[in-house]
PDB file of N, CA and C in Angstrom:
ATOM      1  N   MET A   1      29.564  12.010 -28.300  1.00  0.00           N
ATOM      2  CA  MET A   1      28.722  13.145 -28.626  1.00  0.00           C
ATOM      3  C   MET A   1      27.635  12.701 -29.598  1.00  0.00           C
ATOM      4  N   GLU A   2      26.445  13.184 -29.378  1.00  0.00           N
ATOM      5  CA  GLU A   2      25.313  12.803 -30.222  1.00  0.00           C
ATOM      6  C   GLU A   2      25.416  13.476 -31.589  1.00  0.00           C
ATOM      7  N   ASP A   3      24.972  12.786 -32.622  1.00  0.00           N
ATOM      8  CA  ASP A   3      25.009  13.349 -33.962  1.00  0.00           C
ATOM      9  C   ASP A   3      23.657  13.927 -34.366  1.00  0.00           C
ATOM     10  N   SER A   4      22.731  14.010 -33.398  1.00  0.00           N
ATOM     11  CA  SER A   4      21.446  14.636 -33.669  1.00  0.00           C
ATOM     12  C   SER A   4      21.042  15.432 -32.443  1.00  0.00           C
ATOM     13  N   ALA A   5      20.002  16.224 -32.566  1.00  0.00           N
ATOM     14  CA  ALA A   5      19.542  17.046 -31.456  1.00  0.00           C
ATOM     15  C   ALA A   5      18.843  16.211 -30.386  1.00  0.00           C
ATOM     16  N   THR A   6      18.341  15.041 -30.751  1.00  0.00           N
ATOM     17  CA  THR A   6      17.633  14.181 -29.814  1.00  0.00           C
ATOM     18  C   THR A   6      18.540  13.041 -29.381  1.00  0.00           C
ATOM     19  N   PRO A   7      18.814  12.930 -28.068  1.00  0.00           N
ATOM     20  CA  PRO A   7      19.686  11.843 -27.601  1.00  0.00           C
ATOM     21  C   PRO A   7      19.096  10.463 -27.889  1.00  0.00           C
ATOM     22  N   THR A   8      19.964   9.534 -28.241  1.00  0.00           N
ATOM     23  CA  THR A   8      19.561   8.143 -28.474  1.00  0.00           C
ATOM     24  C   THR A   8      20.585   7.222 -27.850  1.00  0.00           C
ATOM     25  N   TRP A   9      20.184   5.970 -27.671  1.00  0.00           N
ATOM     26  CA  TRP A   9      21.084   4.902 -27.278  1.00  0.00           C
ATOM     27  C   TRP A   9      21.188   3.963 -28.462  1.00  0.00           C
ATOM     28  N   THR A  10      22.269   3.180 -28.517  1.00  0.00           N
ATOM     29  CA  THR A  10      22.414   2.155 -29.544  1.00  0.00           C
ATOM     30  C   THR A  10      22.324   0.788 -28.890  1.00  0.00           C
ATOM     31  N   VAL A  11      21.437  -0.045 -29.424  1.00  0.00           N
ATOM     32  CA  VAL A  11      21.329  -1.442 -28.994  1.00  0.00           C
ATOM     33  C   VAL A  11      21.589  -2.297 -30.226  1.00  0.00           C
ATOM     34  N   TYR A  12      21.863  -3.565 -29.987  1.00  0.00           N
ATOM     35  CA  TYR A  12      22.138  -4.472 -31.095  1.00  0.00           C
ATOM     36  C   TYR A  12      21.044  -5.517 -31.185  1.00  0.00           C
ATOM     37  N   ILE A  13      20.447  -5.610 -32.354  1.00  0.00           N
ATOM     38  CA  ILE A  13      19.407  -6.591 -32.628  1.00  0.00           C
ATOM     39  C   ILE A  13      19.915  -7.452 -33.767  1.00  0.00           C
ATOM     40  N   ASP A  14      20.050  -8.742 -33.504  1.00  0.00           N
ATOM     41  CA  ASP A  14      20.621  -9.669 -34.482  1.00  0.00           C
ATOM     42  C   ASP A  14      21.970  -9.181 -34.985  1.00  0.00           C
ATOM     43  N   GLY A  15      22.758  -8.613 -34.068  1.00  0.00           N
ATOM     44  CA  GLY A  15      24.097  -8.147 -34.399  1.00  0.00           C
ATOM     45  C   GLY A  15      24.163  -6.810 -35.114  1.00  0.00           C
ATOM     46  N   GLN A  16      23.022  -6.193 -35.352  1.00  0.00           N
ATOM     47  CA  GLN A  16      22.993  -4.923 -36.072  1.00  0.00           C
ATOM     48  C   GLN A  16      22.661  -3.773 -35.111  1.00  0.00           C
ATOM     49  N   PRO A  17      23.380  -2.645 -35.210  1.00  0.00           N
ATOM     50  CA  PRO A  17      23.088  -1.520 -34.314  1.00  0.00           C
ATOM     51  C   PRO A  17      21.749  -0.864 -34.675  1.00  0.00           C
ATOM     52  N   VAL A  18      20.971  -0.575 -33.639  1.00  0.00           N
ATOM     53  CA  VAL A  18      19.679   0.104 -33.800  1.00  0.00           C
ATOM     54  C   VAL A  18      19.634   1.221 -32.772  1.00  0.00           C
ATOM     55  N   ARG A  19      19.289   2.417 -33.218  1.00  0.00           N
ATOM     56  CA  ARG A  19      19.195   3.555 -32.301  1.00  0.00           C
ATOM     57  C   ARG A  19      17.795   3.594 -31.698  1.00  0.00           C
ATOM     58  N   ILE A  20      17.749   3.796 -30.375  1.00  0.00           N
ATOM     59  CA  ILE A  20      16.469   3.880 -29.672  1.00  0.00           C
ATOM     60  C   ILE A  20      16.412   5.205 -28.922  1.00  0.00           C
ATOM     61  N   PRO A  21      15.208   5.689 -28.614  1.00  0.00           N
ATOM     62  CA  PRO A  21      15.087   6.965 -27.912  1.00  0.00           C
ATOM     63  C   PRO A  21      15.735   6.912 -26.533  1.00  0.00           C
ATOM     64  N   ALA A  22      16.241   8.076 -26.068  1.00  0.00           N
ATOM     65  CA  ALA A  22      16.942   8.109 -24.789  1.00  0.00           C
ATOM     66  C   ALA A  22      16.480   9.254 -23.888  1.00  0.00           C
ATOM     67  N   THR A  23      15.285   9.765 -24.114  1.00  0.00           N
ATOM     68  CA  THR A  23      14.717  10.753 -23.194  1.00  0.00           C
ATOM     69  C   THR A  23      13.337  10.269 -22.780  1.00  0.00           C
ATOM     70  N   ILE A  24      12.877  10.739 -21.645  1.00  0.00           N
ATOM     71  CA  ILE A  24      11.542  10.349 -21.185  1.00  0.00           C
ATOM     72  C   ILE A  24      10.509  10.715 -22.239  1.00  0.00           C
ATOM     73  N   GLU A  25      10.614  11.907 -22.778  1.00  0.00           N
ATOM     74  CA  GLU A  25       9.650  12.377 -23.777  1.00  0.00           C
ATOM     75  C   GLU A  25       9.632  11.504 -25.030  1.00  0.00           C
ATOM     76  N   THR A  26      10.815  11.163 -25.546  1.00  0.00           N
ATOM     77  CA  THR A  26      10.852  10.396 -26.794  1.00  0.00           C
ATOM     78  C   THR A  26      10.513   8.919 -26.588  1.00  0.00           C
ATOM     79  N   VAL A  27      10.861   8.372 -25.429  1.00  0.00           N
ATOM     80  CA  VAL A  27      10.453   6.994 -25.141  1.00  0.00           C
ATOM     81  C   VAL A  27       8.944   6.939 -25.031  1.00  0.00           C
ATOM     82  N   ARG A  28       8.354   7.889 -24.295  1.00  0.00           N
ATOM     83  CA  ARG A  28       6.892   7.924 -24.125  1.00  0.00           C
ATOM     84  C   ARG A  28       6.188   8.049 -25.474  1.00  0.00           C
ATOM     85  N   ALA A  29       6.713   8.911 -26.335  1.00  0.00           N
ATOM     86  CA  ALA A  29       6.103   9.132 -27.647  1.00  0.00           C
ATOM     87  C   ALA A  29       6.169   7.877 -28.519  1.00  0.00           C
ATOM     88  N   ALA A  30       7.180   7.042 -28.317  1.00  0.00           N
ATOM     89  CA  ALA A  30       7.342   5.828 -29.128  1.00  0.00           C
ATOM     90  C   ALA A  30       6.424   4.691 -28.676  1.00  0.00           C
ATOM     91  N   LEU A  31       5.858   4.812 -27.488  1.00  0.00           N
ATOM     92  CA  LEU A  31       4.985   3.749 -26.966  1.00  0.00           C
ATOM     93  C   LEU A  31       3.611   3.797 -27.606  1.00  0.00           C
ATOM     94  N   VAL A  32       2.964   2.650 -27.645  1.00  0.00           N
ATOM     95  CA  VAL A  32       1.566   2.640 -28.067  1.00  0.00           C
ATOM     96  C   VAL A  32       0.767   3.362 -26.981  1.00  0.00           C
ATOM     97  N   PRO A  33      -0.271   4.100 -27.350  1.00  0.00           N
ATOM     98  CA  PRO A  33      -1.010   4.893 -26.369  1.00  0.00           C
ATOM     99  C   PRO A  33      -1.483   4.113 -25.143  1.00  0.00           C
ATOM    100  N   GLU A  34      -1.820   2.840 -25.330  1.00  0.00           N
ATOM    101  CA  GLU A  34      -2.319   2.031 -24.219  1.00  0.00           C
ATOM    102  C   GLU A  34      -1.269   1.793 -23.125  1.00  0.00           C
ATOM    103  N   ARG A  35       0.010   1.970 -23.421  1.00  0.00           N
ATOM    104  CA  ARG A  35       1.077   1.710 -22.440  1.00  0.00           C
ATOM    105  C   ARG A  35       1.598   2.974 -21.774  1.00  0.00           C
ATOM    106  N   ARG A  36       1.163   4.153 -22.239  1.00  0.00           N
ATOM    107  CA  ARG A  36       1.728   5.403 -21.729  1.00  0.00           C
ATOM    108  C   ARG A  36       1.410   5.662 -20.266  1.00  0.00           C
ATOM    109  N   ALA A  37       0.220   5.348 -19.811  1.00  0.00           N
ATOM    110  CA  ALA A  37      -0.118   5.562 -18.396  1.00  0.00           C
ATOM    111  C   ALA A  37       0.739   4.669 -17.503  1.00  0.00           C
ATOM    112  N   GLU A  38       0.956   3.426 -17.917  1.00  0.00           N
ATOM    113  CA  GLU A  38       1.811   2.500 -17.164  1.00  0.00           C
ATOM    114  C   GLU A  38       3.245   3.029 -17.112  1.00  0.00           C
ATOM    115  N   PHE A  39       3.727   3.527 -18.248  1.00  0.00           N
ATOM    116  CA  PHE A  39       5.062   4.113 -18.326  1.00  0.00           C
ATOM    117  C   PHE A  39       5.169   5.319 -17.391  1.00  0.00           C
ATOM    118  N   ASP A  40       4.213   6.221 -17.467  1.00  0.00           N
ATOM    119  CA  ASP A  40       4.227   7.421 -16.619  1.00  0.00           C
ATOM    120  C   ASP A  40       4.284   7.051 -15.143  1.00  0.00           C
ATOM    121  N   ALA A  41       3.475   6.065 -14.741  1.00  0.00           N
ATOM    122  CA  ALA A  41       3.438   5.648 -13.342  1.00  0.00           C
ATOM    123  C   ALA A  41       4.780   5.055 -12.913  1.00  0.00           C
ATOM    124  N   GLU A  42       5.373   4.223 -13.756  1.00  0.00           N
ATOM    125  CA  GLU A  42       6.646   3.598 -13.388  1.00  0.00           C
ATOM    126  C   GLU A  42       7.771   4.626 -13.336  1.00  0.00           C
ATOM    127  N   ILE A  43       7.820   5.527 -14.293  1.00  0.00           N
ATOM    128  CA  ILE A  43       8.855   6.567 -14.290  1.00  0.00           C
ATOM    129  C   ILE A  43       8.697   7.460 -13.061  1.00  0.00           C
ATOM    130  N   ALA A  44       7.471   7.773 -12.692  1.00  0.00           N
ATOM    131  CA  ALA A  44       7.221   8.649 -11.551  1.00  0.00           C
ATOM    132  C   ALA A  44       7.705   8.048 -10.228  1.00  0.00           C
ATOM    133  N   ARG A  45       7.690   6.730 -10.104  1.00  0.00           N
ATOM    134  CA  ARG A  45       8.096   6.098  -8.840  1.00  0.00           C
ATOM    135  C   ARG A  45       9.522   5.533  -8.886  1.00  0.00           C
ATOM    136  N   THR A  46      10.216   5.719  -9.988  1.00  0.00           N
ATOM    137  CA  THR A  46      11.574   5.190 -10.121  1.00  0.00           C
ATOM    138  C   THR A  46      12.578   6.104  -9.429  1.00  0.00           C
ATOM    139  N   PRO A  47      13.418   5.534  -8.536  1.00  0.00           N
ATOM    140  CA  PRO A  47      14.473   6.339  -7.914  1.00  0.00           C
ATOM    141  C   PRO A  47      15.439   6.879  -8.975  1.00  0.00           C
ATOM    142  N   GLY A  48      15.964   8.049  -8.745  1.00  0.00           N
ATOM    143  CA  GLY A  48      16.846   8.699  -9.708  1.00  0.00           C
ATOM    144  C   GLY A  48      18.007   7.846 -10.168  1.00  0.00           C
ATOM    145  N   LEU A  49      18.621   7.099  -9.248  1.00  0.00           N
ATOM    146  CA  LEU A  49      19.772   6.279  -9.619  1.00  0.00           C
ATOM    147  C   LEU A  49      19.408   5.144 -10.567  1.00  0.00           C
ATOM    148  N   GLN A  50      18.142   4.779 -10.630  1.00  0.00           N
ATOM    149  CA  GLN A  50      17.702   3.690 -11.509  1.00  0.00           C
ATOM    150  C   GLN A  50      16.973   4.198 -12.745  1.00  0.00           C
ATOM    151  N   LEU A  51      16.862   5.498 -12.887  1.00  0.00           N
ATOM    152  CA  LEU A  51      16.065   6.065 -13.974  1.00  0.00           C
ATOM    153  C   LEU A  51      16.563   5.659 -15.362  1.00  0.00           C
ATOM    154  N   ALA A  52      17.858   5.724 -15.594  1.00  0.00           N
ATOM    155  CA  ALA A  52      18.388   5.357 -16.920  1.00  0.00           C
ATOM    156  C   ALA A  52      18.091   3.896 -17.248  1.00  0.00           C
ATOM    157  N   GLN A  53      18.231   3.017 -16.259  1.00  0.00           N
ATOM    158  CA  GLN A  53      17.971   1.588 -16.478  1.00  0.00           C
ATOM    159  C   GLN A  53      16.504   1.354 -16.835  1.00  0.00           C
ATOM    160  N   VAL A  54      15.601   1.941 -16.080  1.00  0.00           N
ATOM    161  CA  VAL A  54      14.167   1.756 -16.334  1.00  0.00           C
ATOM    162  C   VAL A  54      13.787   2.374 -17.676  1.00  0.00           C
ATOM    163  N   LEU A  55      14.305   3.549 -17.963  1.00  0.00           N
ATOM    164  CA  LEU A  55      14.003   4.194 -19.242  1.00  0.00           C
ATOM    165  C   LEU A  55      14.499   3.347 -20.410  1.00  0.00           C
ATOM    166  N   ALA A  56      15.698   2.799 -20.287  1.00  0.00           N
ATOM    167  CA  ALA A  56      16.242   1.955 -21.358  1.00  0.00           C
ATOM    168  C   ALA A  56      15.383   0.712 -21.573  1.00  0.00           C
ATOM    169  N   MET A  57      14.891   0.128 -20.506  1.00  0.00           N
ATOM    170  CA  MET A  57      14.047  -1.060 -20.652  1.00  0.00           C
ATOM    171  C   MET A  57      12.760  -0.723 -21.402  1.00  0.00           C
ATOM    172  N   TRP A  58      12.174   0.432 -21.112  1.00  0.00           N
ATOM    173  CA  TRP A  58      10.959   0.842 -21.817  1.00  0.00           C
ATOM    174  C   TRP A  58      11.258   1.199 -23.273  1.00  0.00           C
ATOM    175  N   ALA A  59      12.470   1.662 -23.552  1.00  0.00           N
ATOM    176  CA  ALA A  59      12.826   2.091 -24.909  1.00  0.00           C
ATOM    177  C   ALA A  59      13.109   0.931 -25.855  1.00  0.00           C
ATOM    178  N   LEU A  60      13.408  -0.241 -25.301  1.00  0.00           N
ATOM    179  CA  LEU A  60      13.753  -1.375 -26.162  1.00  0.00           C
ATOM    180  C   LEU A  60      12.582  -1.759 -27.064  1.00  0.00           C
ATOM    181  N   PRO A  61      12.854  -1.972 -28.342  1.00  0.00           N
ATOM    182  CA  PRO A  61      11.789  -2.379 -29.261  1.00  0.00           C
ATOM    183  C   PRO A  61      11.354  -3.819 -29.003  1.00  0.00           C
ATOM    184  N   PRO A  62      10.155  -4.181 -29.445  1.00  0.00           N
ATOM    185  CA  PRO A  62       9.643  -5.538 -29.241  1.00  0.00           C
ATOM    186  C   PRO A  62      10.602  -6.631 -29.722  1.00  0.00           C
ATOM    187  N   ALA A  63      11.353  -6.397 -30.781  1.00  0.00           N
ATOM    188  CA  ALA A  63      12.281  -7.415 -31.288  1.00  0.00           C
ATOM    189  C   ALA A  63      13.328  -7.789 -30.244  1.00  0.00           C
ATOM    190  N   VAL A  64      13.759  -6.828 -29.451  1.00  0.00           N
ATOM    191  CA  VAL A  64      14.741  -7.114 -28.413  1.00  0.00           C
ATOM    192  C   VAL A  64      14.114  -7.987 -27.331  1.00  0.00           C
ATOM    193  N   TRP A  65      12.892  -7.638 -26.915  1.00  0.00           N
ATOM    194  CA  TRP A  65      12.210  -8.439 -25.895  1.00  0.00           C
ATOM    195  C   TRP A  65      11.925  -9.845 -26.407  1.00  0.00           C
ATOM    196  N   ASP A  66      11.605  -9.963 -27.681  1.00  0.00           N
ATOM    197  CA  ASP A  66      11.401 -11.299 -28.269  1.00  0.00           C
ATOM    198  C   ASP A  66      12.679 -12.122 -28.169  1.00  0.00           C
ATOM    199  N   GLN A  67      13.827 -11.493 -28.460  1.00  0.00           N
ATOM    200  CA  GLN A  67      15.109 -12.193 -28.387  1.00  0.00           C
ATOM    201  C   GLN A  67      15.447 -12.571 -26.948  1.00  0.00           C
ATOM    202  N   ILE A  68      15.193 -11.655 -26.001  1.00  0.00           N
ATOM    203  CA  ILE A  68      15.455 -11.939 -24.593  1.00  0.00           C
ATOM    204  C   ILE A  68      14.619 -13.138 -24.137  1.00  0.00           C
ATOM    205  N   GLU A  69      13.339 -13.132 -24.485  1.00  0.00           N
ATOM    206  CA  GLU A  69      12.461 -14.247 -24.116  1.00  0.00           C
ATOM    207  C   GLU A  69      12.932 -15.561 -24.748  1.00  0.00           C
ATOM    208  N   ALA A  70      13.343 -15.505 -26.006  1.00  0.00           N
ATOM    209  CA  ALA A  70      13.837 -16.708 -26.684  1.00  0.00           C
ATOM    210  C   ALA A  70      15.107 -17.222 -26.007  1.00  0.00           C
ATOM    211  N   ASP A  71      16.000 -16.297 -25.626  1.00  0.00           N
ATOM    212  CA  ASP A  71      17.236 -16.699 -24.948  1.00  0.00           C
ATOM    213  C   ASP A  71      16.928 -17.370 -23.609  1.00  0.00           C
ATOM    214  N   PHE A  72      16.022 -16.789 -22.840  1.00  0.00           N
ATOM    215  CA  PHE A  72      15.673 -17.386 -21.557  1.00  0.00           C
ATOM    216  C   PHE A  72      15.012 -18.747 -21.747  1.00  0.00           C
ATOM    217  N   SER A  73      14.177 -18.872 -22.748  1.00  0.00           N
ATOM    218  CA  SER A  73      13.536 -20.168 -23.014  1.00  0.00           C
ATOM    219  C   SER A  73      14.570 -21.228 -23.347  1.00  0.00           C
ATOM    220  N   ARG A  74      15.558 -20.860 -24.160  1.00  0.00           N
ATOM    221  CA  ARG A  74      16.626 -21.802 -24.502  1.00  0.00           C
ATOM    222  C   ARG A  74      17.406 -22.217 -23.261  1.00  0.00           C
ATOM    223  N   LEU A  75      17.737 -21.224 -22.401  1.00  0.00           N
ATOM    224  CA  LEU A  75      18.484 -21.538 -21.188  1.00  0.00           C
ATOM    225  C   LEU A  75      17.680 -22.441 -20.259  1.00  0.00           C
ATOM    226  N   GLU A  76      16.396 -22.137 -20.101  1.00  0.00           N
ATOM    227  CA  GLU A  76      15.538 -22.956 -19.242  1.00  0.00           C
ATOM    228  C   GLU A  76      15.425 -24.389 -19.770  1.00  0.00           C
ATOM    229  N   ALA A  77      15.495 -24.539 -21.084  1.00  0.00           N
ATOM    230  CA  ALA A  77      15.419 -25.872 -21.690  1.00  0.00           C
ATOM    231  C   ALA A  77      16.762 -26.601 -21.635  1.00  0.00           C
ATOM    232  N   GLY A  78      17.801 -25.935 -21.113  1.00  0.00           N
ATOM    233  CA  GLY A  78      19.109 -26.568 -20.988  1.00  0.00           C
ATOM    234  C   GLY A  78      20.049 -26.324 -22.147  1.00  0.00           C
ATOM    235  N   ASP A  79      19.638 -25.513 -23.112  1.00  0.00           N
ATOM    236  CA  ASP A  79      20.495 -25.203 -24.260  1.00  0.00           C
ATOM    237  C   ASP A  79      21.333 -23.976 -23.917  1.00  0.00           C
ATOM    238  N   HIS A  80      22.600 -24.186 -23.609  1.00  0.00           N
ATOM    239  CA  HIS A  80      23.492 -23.094 -23.234  1.00  0.00           C
ATOM    240  C   HIS A  80      24.436 -22.700 -24.378  1.00  0.00           C
ATOM    241  N   SER A  81      24.163 -23.184 -25.575  1.00  0.00           N
ATOM    242  CA  SER A  81      25.033 -22.864 -26.701  1.00  0.00           C
ATOM    243  C   SER A  81      25.008 -21.362 -26.963  1.00  0.00           C
ATOM    244  N   GLY A  82      26.175 -20.821 -27.209  1.00  0.00           N
ATOM    245  CA  GLY A  82      26.291 -19.398 -27.485  1.00  0.00           C
ATOM    246  C   GLY A  82      26.390 -18.534 -26.243  1.00  0.00           C
ATOM    247  N   PHE A  83      26.249 -19.135 -25.072  1.00  0.00           N
ATOM    248  CA  PHE A  83      26.369 -18.392 -23.821  1.00  0.00           C
ATOM    249  C   PHE A  83      27.695 -18.739 -23.162  1.00  0.00           C
ATOM    250  N   HIS A  84      28.267 -17.785 -22.475  1.00  0.00           N
ATOM    251  CA  HIS A  84      29.557 -17.976 -21.828  1.00  0.00           C
ATOM    252  C   HIS A  84      29.426 -17.636 -20.352  1.00  0.00           C
ATOM    253  N   PRO A  85      29.678 -18.595 -19.472  1.00  0.00           N
ATOM    254  CA  PRO A  85      29.564 -18.329 -18.042  1.00  0.00           C
ATOM    255  C   PRO A  85      30.562 -17.262 -17.587  1.00  0.00           C
ATOM    256  N   GLN A  86      30.133 -16.374 -16.726  1.00  0.00           N
ATOM    257  CA  GLN A  86      30.994 -15.305 -16.226  1.00  0.00           C
ATOM    258  C   GLN A  86      32.212 -15.838 -15.486  1.00  0.00           C
ATOM    259  N   GLU A  87      32.054 -16.930 -14.738  1.00  0.00           N
ATOM    260  CA  GLU A  87      33.184 -17.418 -13.944  1.00  0.00           C
ATOM    261  C   GLU A  87      34.360 -17.828 -14.810  1.00  0.00           C
ATOM    262  N   ASP A  88      34.142 -18.218 -16.056  1.00  0.00           N
ATOM    263  CA  ASP A  88      35.240 -18.564 -16.966  1.00  0.00           C
ATOM    264  C   ASP A  88      36.064 -17.336 -17.324  1.00  0.00           C
ATOM    265  N   ARG A  89      35.458 -16.185 -17.296  1.00  0.00           N
ATOM    266  CA  ARG A  89      36.147 -14.955 -17.688  1.00  0.00           C
ATOM    267  C   ARG A  89      36.931 -14.352 -16.521  1.00  0.00           C
ATOM    268  N   PHE A  90      36.579 -14.720 -15.308  1.00  0.00           N
ATOM    269  CA  PHE A  90      37.183 -14.074 -14.145  1.00  0.00           C
ATOM    270  C   PHE A  90      37.849 -15.076 -13.209  1.00  0.00           C
ATOM    271  N   THR A  91      38.480 -16.067 -13.771  1.00  0.00           N
ATOM    272  CA  THR A  91      39.163 -17.090 -12.980  1.00  0.00           C
ATOM    273  C   THR A  91      40.451 -16.495 -12.422  1.00  0.00           C
ATOM    274  N   ALA A  92      40.639 -16.642 -11.120  1.00  0.00           N
ATOM    275  CA  ALA A  92      41.850 -16.134 -10.501  1.00  0.00           C
ATOM    276  C   ALA A  92      43.052 -16.932 -10.972  1.00  0.00           C
ATOM    277  N   PRO A  93      44.178 -16.291 -11.175  1.00  0.00           N
ATOM    278  CA  PRO A  93      45.377 -17.029 -11.605  1.00  0.00           C
ATOM    279  C   PRO A  93      45.881 -17.925 -10.473  1.00  0.00           C
ATOM    280  N   ASP A  94      46.535 -19.023 -10.863  1.00  0.00           N
ATOM    281  CA  ASP A  94      47.137 -19.914  -9.868  1.00  0.00           C
ATOM    282  C   ASP A  94      48.288 -19.186  -9.210  1.00  0.00           C
ATOM    283  N   VAL A  95      48.360 -19.315  -7.912  1.00  0.00           N
ATOM    284  CA  VAL A  95      49.456 -18.701  -7.169  1.00  0.00           C
ATOM    285  C   VAL A  95      50.378 -19.801  -6.678  1.00  0.00           C
ATOM    286  N   ALA A  96      51.660 -19.705  -7.020  1.00  0.00           N
ATOM    287  CA  ALA A  96      52.616 -20.760  -6.641  1.00  0.00           C
ATOM    288  C   ALA A  96      53.225 -20.459  -5.300  1.00  0.00           C
TER     289      ALA A  96
END
């Protein structure tokens, strides 16, 4: 349950929780004016089942995108430290 009248999502930036807007209106209001037309166009053509995902991506603050870009750069350079491959987590048990 939300603790305020305006819904938010929680994301983690450098391990710290940060609340971000979670409605079309509040995400749009948080954008710089130059990006609002692009946002409106993308939201208008987004299928309903993908709306939350697209809205969340637009709601992420620049610091999160900076971290995502840094992580991808590290991976592309071959530095996999701090990352855990999914297959290690879902290894089927040996059957005798």
